[in-house]
């Protein structure tokens, strides 16, 4: 990761030339699969572009959000929901405005701080000011288990080919009622689309992995609205049984946890701190930074409170 961060100035030049940043980083490191650091750097440079794309052509994403709202409305009453890999919150904002019954608590995170900050601005443009936004890693989420009635993703698991089991296990861990995924549907795609998915390092076995894990898949089909005909997406809904205890209640610090130790985080001035884990996480421009690499060893943090 450090070596890649040293290249940011050169990567910016490649981005300005509209080069594929993930492919460049992957090839430079001699890696076959997309790494979390590659995805983070690439998406952070792209921050703001998805909102601009939406403003240039609203209808496809509005139609997408309307169909997704229909699906979520059909799941019944939800007190809480979380979008993992929210990007710039374009879909989240348009989804919230279309839900018949809005969950009391809504959370969302992304790898990229810049995308989260743009997402905050977009949500405010829709007069949505109460979504809890933070940075996080889908493979070690800073969220307690069984804490969200609904956990969902939209093209967020997509670039993590080969890590289907890790992603599903972690999403399932924090869900209480449902995990909903709108992701590449390899099994339902034609040969050309399959080859494209493979060349981009996309996930190819979400459905099969969910079945292998013994999850209760109550729906799996092509999603009605597809923003890219070359990338057919499926809707998969996993229902979690009700033997996992009650949903966590209370404020953000009852839901958020240290991504490394999974111990409780408490808000302390300009940082979140785990007394048990002895790790602190900074808050940058009102955005909690809860990636594992953001952790600061602070064994004496409470001595100065």
C-alpha atoms as a PDB file:
ATOM      1  CA  UNK A   1       0.000   0.000   0.000  1.00  0.00           C
ATOM      2  CA  UNK A   2       2.763   2.484   0.900  1.00  0.00           C
ATOM      3  CA  UNK A   3       4.487   2.008  -2.451  1.00  0.00           C
ATOM      4  CA  UNK A   4       1.225   2.652  -4.269  1.00  0.00           C
ATOM      5  CA  UNK A   5       0.573   5.801  -2.236  1.00  0.00           C
ATOM      6  CA  UNK A   6       3.937   7.136  -3.372  1.00  0.00           C
ATOM      7  CA  UNK A   7       2.609   6.954  -6.938  1.00  0.00           C
ATOM      8  CA  UNK A   8      -0.466   9.162  -6.462  1.00  0.00           C
ATOM      9  CA  UNK A   9       0.974  12.070  -8.456  1.00  0.00           C
ATOM     10  CA  UNK A  10       1.693   9.816 -11.430  1.00  0.00           C
ATOM     11  CA  UNK A  11      -1.635   8.017 -11.039  1.00  0.00           C
ATOM     12  CA  UNK A  12      -3.373  11.402 -11.232  1.00  0.00           C
ATOM     13  CA  UNK A  13      -1.803  11.901 -14.672  1.00  0.00           C
ATOM     14  CA  UNK A  14      -3.091   8.501 -15.795  1.00  0.00           C
ATOM     15  CA  UNK A  15      -6.537   9.321 -14.457  1.00  0.00           C
ATOM     16  CA  UNK A  16      -6.555  12.610 -16.370  1.00  0.00           C
ATOM     17  CA  UNK A  17      -5.744  10.566 -19.485  1.00  0.00           C
ATOM     18  CA  UNK A  18      -8.779   8.348 -18.718  1.00  0.00           C
ATOM     19  CA  UNK A  19      -6.626   5.275 -18.157  1.00  0.00           C
ATOM     20  CA  UNK A  20      -7.873   2.307 -16.121  1.00  0.00           C
ATOM     21  CA  UNK A  21      -6.287   2.914 -12.715  1.00  0.00           C
ATOM     22  CA  UNK A  22      -7.070  -0.504 -11.263  1.00  0.00           C
ATOM     23  CA  UNK A  23      -5.557  -2.284 -14.246  1.00  0.00           C
ATOM     24  CA  UNK A  24      -2.439  -0.096 -14.021  1.00  0.00           C
ATOM     25  CA  UNK A  25      -1.923  -0.722 -10.307  1.00  0.00           C
ATOM     26  CA  UNK A  26      -2.603  -4.430 -10.667  1.00  0.00           C
ATOM     27  CA  UNK A  27      -0.148  -4.842 -13.524  1.00  0.00           C
ATOM     28  CA  UNK A  28       2.514  -2.703 -11.827  1.00  0.00           C
ATOM     29  CA  UNK A  29       2.368  -4.928  -8.746  1.00  0.00           C
ATOM     30  CA  UNK A  30       2.233  -8.136 -10.763  1.00  0.00           C
ATOM     31  CA  UNK A  31      -1.113  -9.053  -9.186  1.00  0.00           C
ATOM     32  CA  UNK A  32      -3.896 -11.027 -10.830  1.00  0.00           C
ATOM     33  CA  UNK A  33      -6.780  -9.979  -8.584  1.00  0.00           C
ATOM     34  CA  UNK A  34      -8.001  -6.475  -7.737  1.00  0.00           C
ATOM     35  CA  UNK A  35      -6.707  -5.505  -4.292  1.00  0.00           C
ATOM     36  CA  UNK A  36      -8.528  -3.336  -1.771  1.00  0.00           C
ATOM     37  CA  UNK A  37      -5.841  -0.657  -2.122  1.00  0.00           C
ATOM     38  CA  UNK A  38      -6.247  -0.622  -5.929  1.00  0.00           C
ATOM     39  CA  UNK A  39      -9.998  -0.169  -5.593  1.00  0.00           C
ATOM     40  CA  UNK A  40      -9.603   2.538  -2.952  1.00  0.00           C
ATOM     41  CA  UNK A  41      -7.144   4.613  -4.984  1.00  0.00           C
ATOM     42  CA  UNK A  42      -9.088   4.253  -8.224  1.00  0.00           C
ATOM     43  CA  UNK A  43     -12.458   5.154  -6.712  1.00  0.00           C
ATOM     44  CA  UNK A  44     -11.069   8.065  -4.727  1.00  0.00           C
ATOM     45  CA  UNK A  45      -9.792   9.672  -7.936  1.00  0.00           C
ATOM     46  CA  UNK A  46     -13.231   9.147  -9.497  1.00  0.00           C
ATOM     47  CA  UNK A  47     -15.023  10.924  -6.645  1.00  0.00           C
ATOM     48  CA  UNK A  48     -17.625  13.369  -7.918  1.00  0.00           C
ATOM     49  CA  UNK A  49     -17.916  11.814 -11.372  1.00  0.00           C
ATOM     50  CA  UNK A  50     -20.908   9.633 -10.537  1.00  0.00           C
ATOM     51  CA  UNK A  51     -22.925  12.613  -9.319  1.00  0.00           C
ATOM     52  CA  UNK A  52     -22.060  14.533 -12.475  1.00  0.00           C
ATOM     53  CA  UNK A  53     -23.054  11.538 -14.579  1.00  0.00           C
ATOM     54  CA  UNK A  54     -26.380  11.402 -12.741  1.00  0.00           C
ATOM     55  CA  UNK A  55     -27.085  15.077 -13.343  1.00  0.00           C
ATOM     56  CA  UNK A  56     -26.294  14.577 -17.033  1.00  0.00           C
ATOM     57  CA  UNK A  57     -28.795  11.732 -17.365  1.00  0.00           C
ATOM     58  CA  UNK A  58     -31.078  11.184 -14.388  1.00  0.00           C
ATOM     59  CA  UNK A  59     -33.687   8.801 -15.780  1.00  0.00           C
ATOM     60  CA  UNK A  60     -31.736   5.486 -15.754  1.00  0.00           C
ATOM     61  CA  UNK A  61     -30.707   5.873 -12.110  1.00  0.00           C
ATOM     62  CA  UNK A  62     -34.121   7.193 -11.112  1.00  0.00           C
ATOM     63  CA  UNK A  63     -35.704   4.110 -12.702  1.00  0.00           C
ATOM     64  CA  UNK A  64     -33.149   1.899 -10.934  1.00  0.00           C
ATOM     65  CA  UNK A  65     -33.909   3.497  -7.562  1.00  0.00           C
ATOM     66  CA  UNK A  66     -37.664   3.180  -8.131  1.00  0.00           C
ATOM     67  CA  UNK A  67     -37.384  -0.562  -8.841  1.00  0.00           C
ATOM     68  CA  UNK A  68     -35.107  -1.109  -5.859  1.00  0.00           C
ATOM     69  CA  UNK A  69     -37.555   0.792  -3.644  1.00  0.00           C
ATOM     70  CA  UNK A  70     -40.314  -1.561  -4.802  1.00  0.00           C
ATOM     71  CA  UNK A  71     -38.232  -4.542  -3.715  1.00  0.00           C
ATOM     72  CA  UNK A  72     -37.333  -3.066  -0.323  1.00  0.00           C
ATOM     73  CA  UNK A  73     -40.889  -1.885   0.299  1.00  0.00           C
ATOM     74  CA  UNK A  74     -41.921  -5.512  -0.144  1.00  0.00           C
ATOM     75  CA  UNK A  75     -39.669  -6.674   2.685  1.00  0.00           C
ATOM     76  CA  UNK A  76     -41.918  -5.176   5.357  1.00  0.00           C
ATOM     77  CA  UNK A  77     -41.051  -2.944   8.274  1.00  0.00           C
ATOM     78  CA  UNK A  78     -37.357  -2.130   8.695  1.00  0.00           C
ATOM     79  CA  UNK A  79     -35.963  -0.134  11.597  1.00  0.00           C
ATOM     80  CA  UNK A  80     -32.444   0.106  10.208  1.00  0.00           C
ATOM     81  CA  UNK A  81     -30.552  -0.357   6.983  1.00  0.00           C
ATOM     82  CA  UNK A  82     -27.002   0.022   5.713  1.00  0.00           C
ATOM     83  CA  UNK A  83     -25.568   0.396   2.231  1.00  0.00           C
ATOM     84  CA  UNK A  84     -22.087  -1.105   2.002  1.00  0.00           C
ATOM     85  CA  UNK A  85     -19.983   0.589  -0.660  1.00  0.00           C
ATOM     86  CA  UNK A  86     -22.307   3.579  -1.010  1.00  0.00           C
ATOM     87  CA  UNK A  87     -20.012   5.521  -3.332  1.00  0.00           C
ATOM     88  CA  UNK A  88     -21.345   9.051  -3.756  1.00  0.00           C
ATOM     89  CA  UNK A  89     -24.789   8.121  -2.364  1.00  0.00           C
ATOM     90  CA  UNK A  90     -26.571   8.820  -5.650  1.00  0.00           C
ATOM     91  CA  UNK A  91     -28.589   5.630  -5.407  1.00  0.00           C
ATOM     92  CA  UNK A  92     -29.042   5.882  -1.644  1.00  0.00           C
ATOM     93  CA  UNK A  93     -30.464   9.392  -1.853  1.00  0.00           C
ATOM     94  CA  UNK A  94     -32.884   8.507  -4.620  1.00  0.00           C
ATOM     95  CA  UNK A  95     -33.857   5.296  -2.834  1.00  0.00           C
ATOM     96  CA  UNK A  96     -34.649   7.043   0.453  1.00  0.00           C
ATOM     97  CA  UNK A  97     -37.030   9.467  -1.251  1.00  0.00           C
ATOM     98  CA  UNK A  98     -38.958   6.534  -2.735  1.00  0.00           C
ATOM     99  CA  UNK A  99     -39.364   4.291   0.308  1.00  0.00           C
ATOM    100  CA  UNK A 100     -42.893   4.064   1.661  1.00  0.00           C
ATOM    101  CA  UNK A 101     -41.639   3.612   5.211  1.00  0.00           C
ATOM    102  CA  UNK A 102     -38.197   5.046   5.837  1.00  0.00           C
ATOM    103  CA  UNK A 103     -36.062   3.161   8.399  1.00  0.00           C
ATOM    104  CA  UNK A 104     -35.370   5.122  11.561  1.00  0.00           C
ATOM    105  CA  UNK A 105     -31.620   4.552  11.309  1.00  0.00           C
ATOM    106  CA  UNK A 106     -29.747   4.605   8.008  1.00  0.00           C
ATOM    107  CA  UNK A 107     -26.012   4.000   7.723  1.00  0.00           C
ATOM    108  CA  UNK A 108     -23.654   3.939   4.757  1.00  0.00           C
ATOM    109  CA  UNK A 109     -19.934   3.580   4.191  1.00  0.00           C
ATOM    110  CA  UNK A 110     -17.365   3.439   1.434  1.00  0.00           C
ATOM    111  CA  UNK A 111     -13.644   2.755   1.143  1.00  0.00           C
ATOM    112  CA  UNK A 112     -13.095   6.237  -0.239  1.00  0.00           C
ATOM    113  CA  UNK A 113     -13.264   9.306   2.021  1.00  0.00           C
ATOM    114  CA  UNK A 114     -13.623  11.593  -1.000  1.00  0.00           C
ATOM    115  CA  UNK A 115     -16.629   9.667  -2.303  1.00  0.00           C
ATOM    116  CA  UNK A 116     -18.272   9.736   1.118  1.00  0.00           C
ATOM    117  CA  UNK A 117     -17.767  13.502   1.304  1.00  0.00           C
ATOM    118  CA  UNK A 118     -19.325  13.977  -2.123  1.00  0.00           C
ATOM    119  CA  UNK A 119     -22.127  11.660  -1.013  1.00  0.00           C
ATOM    120  CA  UNK A 120     -22.769  13.821   2.035  1.00  0.00           C
ATOM    121  CA  UNK A 121     -23.101  16.863  -0.234  1.00  0.00           C
ATOM    122  CA  UNK A 122     -25.464  15.020  -2.583  1.00  0.00           C
ATOM    123  CA  UNK A 123     -27.701  13.848   0.258  1.00  0.00           C
ATOM    124  CA  UNK A 124     -27.909  17.390   1.596  1.00  0.00           C
ATOM    125  CA  UNK A 125     -29.063  18.569  -1.840  1.00  0.00           C
ATOM    126  CA  UNK A 126     -32.048  16.243  -1.313  1.00  0.00           C
ATOM    127  CA  UNK A 127     -32.567  17.599   2.220  1.00  0.00           C
ATOM    128  CA  UNK A 128     -31.395  14.294   3.704  1.00  0.00           C
ATOM    129  CA  UNK A 129     -29.214  15.144   6.679  1.00  0.00           C
ATOM    130  CA  UNK A 130     -29.454  12.218   9.070  1.00  0.00           C
ATOM    131  CA  UNK A 131     -27.663   9.350   7.291  1.00  0.00           C
ATOM    132  CA  UNK A 132     -24.668   8.162   9.319  1.00  0.00           C
ATOM    133  CA  UNK A 133     -21.724   8.153   6.900  1.00  0.00           C
ATOM    134  CA  UNK A 134     -18.247   6.772   7.513  1.00  0.00           C
ATOM    135  CA  UNK A 135     -15.365   5.109   5.719  1.00  0.00           C
ATOM    136  CA  UNK A 136     -15.146   1.356   6.034  1.00  0.00           C
ATOM    137  CA  UNK A 137     -13.926  -1.836   4.413  1.00  0.00           C
ATOM    138  CA  UNK A 138     -16.549  -4.359   3.349  1.00  0.00           C
ATOM    139  CA  UNK A 139     -14.278  -7.212   4.405  1.00  0.00           C
ATOM    140  CA  UNK A 140     -13.857  -5.984   7.981  1.00  0.00           C
ATOM    141  CA  UNK A 141     -16.789  -3.691   8.590  1.00  0.00           C
ATOM    142  CA  UNK A 142     -16.790  -1.454  11.689  1.00  0.00           C
ATOM    143  CA  UNK A 143     -20.324  -2.573  12.506  1.00  0.00           C
ATOM    144  CA  UNK A 144     -21.557  -4.944  15.200  1.00  0.00           C
ATOM    145  CA  UNK A 145     -23.129  -8.252  14.297  1.00  0.00           C
ATOM    146  CA  UNK A 146     -26.901  -8.578  13.892  1.00  0.00           C
ATOM    147  CA  UNK A 147     -27.262  -4.804  14.040  1.00  0.00           C
ATOM    148  CA  UNK A 148     -28.936  -3.930  10.714  1.00  0.00           C
ATOM    149  CA  UNK A 149     -32.369  -5.097   9.611  1.00  0.00           C
ATOM    150  CA  UNK A 150     -31.271  -4.727   5.993  1.00  0.00           C
ATOM    151  CA  UNK A 151     -27.763  -4.694   4.551  1.00  0.00           C
ATOM    152  CA  UNK A 152     -27.489  -4.125   0.819  1.00  0.00           C
ATOM    153  CA  UNK A 153     -24.932  -3.525  -1.936  1.00  0.00           C
ATOM    154  CA  UNK A 154     -25.133  -2.127  -5.456  1.00  0.00           C
ATOM    155  CA  UNK A 155     -22.098  -3.011  -7.606  1.00  0.00           C
ATOM    156  CA  UNK A 156     -19.948  -2.782  -4.461  1.00  0.00           C
ATOM    157  CA  UNK A 157     -18.930  -6.439  -4.242  1.00  0.00           C
ATOM    158  CA  UNK A 158     -18.440  -6.364  -8.020  1.00  0.00           C
ATOM    159  CA  UNK A 159     -14.661  -5.687  -8.339  1.00  0.00           C
ATOM    160  CA  UNK A 160     -13.697  -8.273  -5.706  1.00  0.00           C
ATOM    161  CA  UNK A 161     -13.511 -11.402  -7.812  1.00  0.00           C
ATOM    162  CA  UNK A 162     -12.425 -14.440  -5.824  1.00  0.00           C
ATOM    163  CA  UNK A 163     -13.556 -12.960  -2.512  1.00  0.00           C
ATOM    164  CA  UNK A 164     -17.228 -13.873  -2.732  1.00  0.00           C
ATOM    165  CA  UNK A 165     -17.170 -15.982   0.437  1.00  0.00           C
ATOM    166  CA  UNK A 166     -15.444 -13.258   2.463  1.00  0.00           C
ATOM    167  CA  UNK A 167     -17.883 -10.596   1.306  1.00  0.00           C
ATOM    168  CA  UNK A 168     -21.009 -12.653   1.900  1.00  0.00           C
ATOM    169  CA  UNK A 169     -19.855 -13.830   5.327  1.00  0.00           C
ATOM    170  CA  UNK A 170     -19.193 -10.286   6.504  1.00  0.00           C
ATOM    171  CA  UNK A 171     -22.428  -8.859   5.087  1.00  0.00           C
ATOM    172  CA  UNK A 172     -24.363 -11.700   6.701  1.00  0.00           C
ATOM    173  CA  UNK A 173     -22.601 -11.116  10.021  1.00  0.00           C
ATOM    174  CA  UNK A 174     -23.981  -7.598  10.500  1.00  0.00           C
ATOM    175  CA  UNK A 175     -27.448  -8.291   9.067  1.00  0.00           C
ATOM    176  CA  UNK A 176     -30.407  -9.143  11.254  1.00  0.00           C
ATOM    177  CA  UNK A 177     -33.156  -9.790   8.696  1.00  0.00           C
ATOM    178  CA  UNK A 178     -31.975  -9.467   5.094  1.00  0.00           C
ATOM    179  CA  UNK A 179     -28.922  -9.164   2.862  1.00  0.00           C
ATOM    180  CA  UNK A 180     -29.805  -7.762  -0.562  1.00  0.00           C
ATOM    181  CA  UNK A 181     -27.279  -7.687  -3.381  1.00  0.00           C
ATOM    182  CA  UNK A 182     -27.480  -6.120  -6.819  1.00  0.00           C
ATOM    183  CA  UNK A 183     -24.275  -7.393  -8.347  1.00  0.00           C
ATOM    184  CA  UNK A 184     -22.983  -8.993 -11.576  1.00  0.00           C
ATOM    185  CA  UNK A 185     -25.020 -12.061 -12.452  1.00  0.00           C
ATOM    186  CA  UNK A 186     -22.380 -14.297 -13.977  1.00  0.00           C
ATOM    187  CA  UNK A 187     -24.652 -17.336 -14.048  1.00  0.00           C
ATOM    188  CA  UNK A 188     -27.333 -15.400 -15.952  1.00  0.00           C
ATOM    189  CA  UNK A 189     -25.026 -13.618 -18.412  1.00  0.00           C
ATOM    190  CA  UNK A 190     -24.185 -14.486 -22.012  1.00  0.00           C
ATOM    191  CA  UNK A 191     -20.672 -15.548 -23.009  1.00  0.00           C
ATOM    192  CA  UNK A 192     -19.502 -12.057 -24.017  1.00  0.00           C
ATOM    193  CA  UNK A 193     -20.609 -10.579 -20.696  1.00  0.00           C
ATOM    194  CA  UNK A 194     -18.982 -13.448 -18.792  1.00  0.00           C
ATOM    195  CA  UNK A 195     -15.645 -12.832 -20.513  1.00  0.00           C
ATOM    196  CA  UNK A 196     -15.896  -9.113 -19.725  1.00  0.00           C
ATOM    197  CA  UNK A 197     -16.552  -9.862 -16.048  1.00  0.00           C
ATOM    198  CA  UNK A 198     -13.556 -12.182 -15.923  1.00  0.00           C
ATOM    199  CA  UNK A 199     -11.263  -9.658 -17.626  1.00  0.00           C
ATOM    200  CA  UNK A 200     -12.249  -6.947 -15.111  1.00  0.00           C
ATOM    201  CA  UNK A 201     -11.785  -9.210 -12.094  1.00  0.00           C
ATOM    202  CA  UNK A 202     -15.465  -9.109 -11.142  1.00  0.00           C
ATOM    203  CA  UNK A 203     -17.211 -11.558  -8.841  1.00  0.00           C
ATOM    204  CA  UNK A 204     -18.538 -14.601 -10.666  1.00  0.00           C
ATOM    205  CA  UNK A 205     -19.984 -16.892  -8.022  1.00  0.00           C
ATOM    206  CA  UNK A 206     -22.063 -14.982  -5.501  1.00  0.00           C
ATOM    207  CA  UNK A 207     -25.148 -17.161  -5.864  1.00  0.00           C
ATOM    208  CA  UNK A 208     -23.255 -20.454  -5.736  1.00  0.00           C
ATOM    209  CA  UNK A 209     -21.263 -19.286  -2.724  1.00  0.00           C
ATOM    210  CA  UNK A 210     -24.394 -18.196  -0.868  1.00  0.00           C
ATOM    211  CA  UNK A 211     -25.863 -21.660  -1.411  1.00  0.00           C
ATOM    212  CA  UNK A 212     -22.606 -23.330  -0.298  1.00  0.00           C
ATOM    213  CA  UNK A 213     -22.699 -21.265   2.891  1.00  0.00           C
ATOM    214  CA  UNK A 214     -26.182 -22.575   3.587  1.00  0.00           C
ATOM    215  CA  UNK A 215     -27.834 -19.178   3.372  1.00  0.00           C
ATOM    216  CA  UNK A 216     -31.551 -18.969   2.670  1.00  0.00           C
ATOM    217  CA  UNK A 217     -31.729 -17.332  -0.771  1.00  0.00           C
ATOM    218  CA  UNK A 218     -35.354 -16.312  -1.201  1.00  0.00           C
ATOM    219  CA  UNK A 219     -34.916 -14.593  -4.572  1.00  0.00           C
ATOM    220  CA  UNK A 220     -32.338 -14.611  -7.353  1.00  0.00           C
ATOM    221  CA  UNK A 221     -33.039 -13.168 -10.784  1.00  0.00           C
ATOM    222  CA  UNK A 222     -31.949 -10.552 -13.266  1.00  0.00           C
ATOM    223  CA  UNK A 223     -32.743  -7.054 -12.042  1.00  0.00           C
ATOM    224  CA  UNK A 224     -35.197  -5.150 -14.236  1.00  0.00           C
ATOM    225  CA  UNK A 225     -33.066  -2.034 -14.711  1.00  0.00           C
ATOM    226  CA  UNK A 226     -29.512  -2.389 -15.958  1.00  0.00           C
ATOM    227  CA  UNK A 227     -27.301   0.694 -16.250  1.00  0.00           C
ATOM    228  CA  UNK A 228     -24.815  -1.155 -18.491  1.00  0.00           C
ATOM    229  CA  UNK A 229     -26.044  -3.754 -21.015  1.00  0.00           C
ATOM    230  CA  UNK A 230     -22.535  -5.249 -21.070  1.00  0.00           C
ATOM    231  CA  UNK A 231     -22.752  -5.948 -17.338  1.00  0.00           C
ATOM    232  CA  UNK A 232     -26.001  -7.782 -16.522  1.00  0.00           C
ATOM    233  CA  UNK A 233     -26.837  -7.565 -12.836  1.00  0.00           C
ATOM    234  CA  UNK A 234     -28.807  -9.876 -10.633  1.00  0.00           C
ATOM    235  CA  UNK A 235     -30.946  -9.275  -7.587  1.00  0.00           C
ATOM    236  CA  UNK A 236     -30.248 -11.709  -4.766  1.00  0.00           C
ATOM    237  CA  UNK A 237     -32.059 -11.565  -1.428  1.00  0.00           C
ATOM    238  CA  UNK A 238     -30.864 -13.619   1.515  1.00  0.00           C
ATOM    239  CA  UNK A 239     -33.150 -13.964   4.514  1.00  0.00           C
ATOM    240  CA  UNK A 240     -31.462 -14.446   7.857  1.00  0.00           C
ATOM    241  CA  UNK A 241     -33.202 -16.572  10.455  1.00  0.00           C
ATOM    242  CA  UNK A 242     -34.475 -14.881  13.608  1.00  0.00           C
ATOM    243  CA  UNK A 243     -32.276 -16.736  16.085  1.00  0.00           C
ATOM    244  CA  UNK A 244     -29.533 -14.119  16.225  1.00  0.00           C
ATOM    245  CA  UNK A 245     -30.842 -11.842  18.963  1.00  0.00           C
ATOM    246  CA  UNK A 246     -32.364  -8.405  18.868  1.00  0.00           C
ATOM    247  CA  UNK A 247     -31.178  -5.520  16.745  1.00  0.00           C
ATOM    248  CA  UNK A 248     -28.820  -3.233  18.643  1.00  0.00           C
ATOM    249  CA  UNK A 249     -30.607  -0.135  19.927  1.00  0.00           C
ATOM    250  CA  UNK A 250     -29.242   3.266  20.840  1.00  0.00           C
ATOM    251  CA  UNK A 251     -26.849   5.771  19.295  1.00  0.00           C
ATOM    252  CA  UNK A 252     -24.079   5.337  16.740  1.00  0.00           C
ATOM    253  CA  UNK A 253     -21.559   4.091  19.265  1.00  0.00           C
ATOM    254  CA  UNK A 254     -23.849   1.154  20.055  1.00  0.00           C
ATOM    255  CA  UNK A 255     -23.685   0.088  16.397  1.00  0.00           C
ATOM    256  CA  UNK A 256     -20.150   0.986  15.355  1.00  0.00           C
ATOM    257  CA  UNK A 257     -17.193  -1.101  16.463  1.00  0.00           C
ATOM    258  CA  UNK A 258     -13.465  -1.317  15.937  1.00  0.00           C
ATOM    259  CA  UNK A 259     -12.965  -3.023  12.555  1.00  0.00           C
ATOM    260  CA  UNK A 260      -9.951  -4.929  13.889  1.00  0.00           C
ATOM    261  CA  UNK A 261     -11.021  -6.087  17.353  1.00  0.00           C
ATOM    262  CA  UNK A 262     -14.817  -5.712  16.948  1.00  0.00           C
ATOM    263  CA  UNK A 263     -14.896  -3.995  20.349  1.00  0.00           C
ATOM    264  CA  UNK A 264     -17.195  -1.061  21.109  1.00  0.00           C
ATOM    265  CA  UNK A 265     -16.217   2.405  19.886  1.00  0.00           C
ATOM    266  CA  UNK A 266     -17.011   5.536  21.879  1.00  0.00           C
ATOM    267  CA  UNK A 267     -17.026   9.042  20.427  1.00  0.00           C
ATOM    268  CA  UNK A 268     -14.318  11.103  22.165  1.00  0.00           C
ATOM    269  CA  UNK A 269     -14.008  14.639  20.804  1.00  0.00           C
ATOM    270  CA  UNK A 270     -12.326  14.274  17.386  1.00  0.00           C
ATOM    271  CA  UNK A 271     -11.911  10.510  17.446  1.00  0.00           C
ATOM    272  CA  UNK A 272     -13.649   7.215  18.034  1.00  0.00           C
ATOM    273  CA  UNK A 273     -11.879   5.131  20.652  1.00  0.00           C
ATOM    274  CA  UNK A 274     -12.062   1.525  21.762  1.00  0.00           C
ATOM    275  CA  UNK A 275     -11.127   1.308  25.429  1.00  0.00           C
ATOM    276  CA  UNK A 276     -10.933  -2.461  25.242  1.00  0.00           C
ATOM    277  CA  UNK A 277      -9.011  -2.556  21.952  1.00  0.00           C
ATOM    278  CA  UNK A 278      -6.903   0.533  22.803  1.00  0.00           C
ATOM    279  CA  UNK A 279      -7.172   1.821  19.234  1.00  0.00           C
ATOM    280  CA  UNK A 280      -8.361   5.247  18.090  1.00  0.00           C
ATOM    281  CA  UNK A 281      -9.878   6.277  14.755  1.00  0.00           C
ATOM    282  CA  UNK A 282      -9.817   9.881  13.501  1.00  0.00           C
ATOM    283  CA  UNK A 283     -12.718  11.980  12.246  1.00  0.00           C
ATOM    284  CA  UNK A 284     -11.867  14.007   9.127  1.00  0.00           C
ATOM    285  CA  UNK A 285     -14.282  16.808   8.201  1.00  0.00           C
ATOM    286  CA  UNK A 286     -17.084  15.173  10.209  1.00  0.00           C
ATOM    287  CA  UNK A 287     -16.501  11.781   8.541  1.00  0.00           C
ATOM    288  CA  UNK A 288     -15.370   8.961  10.892  1.00  0.00           C
ATOM    289  CA  UNK A 289     -12.441   7.131   9.279  1.00  0.00           C
ATOM    290  CA  UNK A 290     -12.934   3.503  10.276  1.00  0.00           C
ATOM    291  CA  UNK A 291     -10.718   1.556   7.899  1.00  0.00           C
ATOM    292  CA  UNK A 292      -8.339  -0.868   9.655  1.00  0.00           C
ATOM    293  CA  UNK A 293      -5.367   1.131   8.338  1.00  0.00           C
ATOM    294  CA  UNK A 294      -6.780   4.270  10.005  1.00  0.00           C
ATOM    295  CA  UNK A 295      -6.221   2.752  13.466  1.00  0.00           C
ATOM    296  CA  UNK A 296      -3.940   4.645  15.840  1.00  0.00           C
ATOM    297  CA  UNK A 297      -2.374   2.767  18.734  1.00  0.00           C
ATOM    298  CA  UNK A 298      -3.336   4.865  21.750  1.00  0.00           C
ATOM    299  CA  UNK A 299      -3.027   2.762  24.892  1.00  0.00           C
ATOM    300  CA  UNK A 300      -3.117   5.866  27.148  1.00  0.00           C
ATOM    301  CA  UNK A 301      -5.900   7.729  25.303  1.00  0.00           C
ATOM    302  CA  UNK A 302      -8.187   7.796  28.338  1.00  0.00           C
ATOM    303  CA  UNK A 303      -5.428   9.248  30.560  1.00  0.00           C
ATOM    304  CA  UNK A 304      -6.000  12.598  28.892  1.00  0.00           C
ATOM    305  CA  UNK A 305      -9.783  12.701  28.990  1.00  0.00           C
END
